[in-house]
């Protein structure tokens, strides 16, 4: 597949960083992904945002919605 023409790539590579930050007397996990090819960095306020991004990048948005409905 050719990602340059809007098609889903067959391979993606990221450097993932995760860390905890204090929030309202508790801790929240934050994350960032750095694209290996472009060095573009994507920041995420929580793990749900990270997972949503990865689901979208892999064309799995509908599976994410179905998964969240089962856990609710």
Protein backbone atom coordinates (compact mmCIF):
# COMPACT_ATOMS: atom_id res chain seq x y z
CA UNK A 1 0.00 0.00 0.00
CA UNK A 2 1.11 3.53 -0.62
CA UNK A 3 0.73 5.86 2.40
CA UNK A 4 1.62 8.88 0.28
CA UNK A 5 -1.66 8.50 -1.65
CA UNK A 6 -3.88 8.23 1.45
CA UNK A 7 -3.81 4.44 1.62
CA UNK A 8 -3.13 2.55 4.84
CA UNK A 9 0.60 1.74 5.26
CA UNK A 10 1.68 -1.84 5.87
CA UNK A 11 4.29 -0.82 8.44
CA UNK A 12 4.64 2.02 10.95
CA UNK A 13 7.39 2.62 13.46
CA UNK A 14 7.19 4.85 16.55
CA UNK A 15 9.25 5.56 19.63
CA UNK A 16 6.74 5.56 22.48
CA UNK A 17 7.29 7.41 25.76
CA UNK A 18 4.93 7.12 28.74
CA UNK A 19 5.08 8.90 32.09
CA UNK A 20 2.83 9.71 35.04
CA UNK A 21 1.87 13.21 36.12
CA UNK A 22 -0.02 14.28 39.25
CA UNK A 23 -3.68 15.15 38.59
CA UNK A 24 -6.37 15.86 41.18
CA UNK A 25 -4.64 13.97 43.97
CA UNK A 26 -3.98 10.98 41.71
CA UNK A 27 -1.72 10.27 38.75
CA UNK A 28 -2.51 10.34 35.04
CA UNK A 29 -0.50 8.51 32.41
CA UNK A 30 0.66 10.73 29.54
CA UNK A 31 2.26 9.53 26.32
CA UNK A 32 4.03 10.63 23.18
CA UNK A 33 4.84 8.87 19.94
CA UNK A 34 7.71 9.94 17.72
CA UNK A 35 7.47 8.76 14.13
CA UNK A 36 10.74 7.05 13.24
CA UNK A 37 10.67 8.15 9.59
CA UNK A 38 9.74 11.84 10.06
CA UNK A 39 10.61 12.50 13.73
CA UNK A 40 7.14 14.08 14.09
CA UNK A 41 5.98 13.87 17.72
CA UNK A 42 2.37 13.27 18.75
CA UNK A 43 1.45 14.03 22.38
CA UNK A 44 -1.42 12.41 24.30
CA UNK A 45 -3.11 13.56 27.50
CA UNK A 46 -4.07 10.02 28.49
CA UNK A 47 -3.75 6.42 27.36
CA UNK A 48 -7.23 6.43 25.81
CA UNK A 49 -6.09 9.19 23.43
CA UNK A 50 -2.97 7.21 22.56
CA UNK A 51 -5.00 4.08 21.82
CA UNK A 52 -7.53 6.08 19.75
CA UNK A 53 -4.68 7.49 17.65
CA UNK A 54 -3.19 4.04 17.08
CA UNK A 55 -6.59 2.60 16.19
CA UNK A 56 -7.13 5.39 13.67
CA UNK A 57 -3.65 4.93 12.17
CA UNK A 58 -4.33 1.24 11.63
CA UNK A 59 -7.89 1.69 10.36
CA UNK A 60 -9.42 0.06 13.43
CA UNK A 61 -11.72 2.89 14.64
CA UNK A 62 -14.84 0.71 14.53
CA UNK A 63 -13.18 -2.02 16.56
CA UNK A 64 -12.24 0.54 19.20
CA UNK A 65 -15.85 1.70 19.50
CA UNK A 66 -17.10 -1.88 19.77
CA UNK A 67 -14.47 -2.67 22.40
CA UNK A 68 -15.36 0.37 24.51
CA UNK A 69 -19.07 -0.51 24.37
CA UNK A 70 -18.35 -4.00 25.70
CA UNK A 71 -16.39 -2.63 28.65
CA UNK A 72 -18.98 0.02 29.58
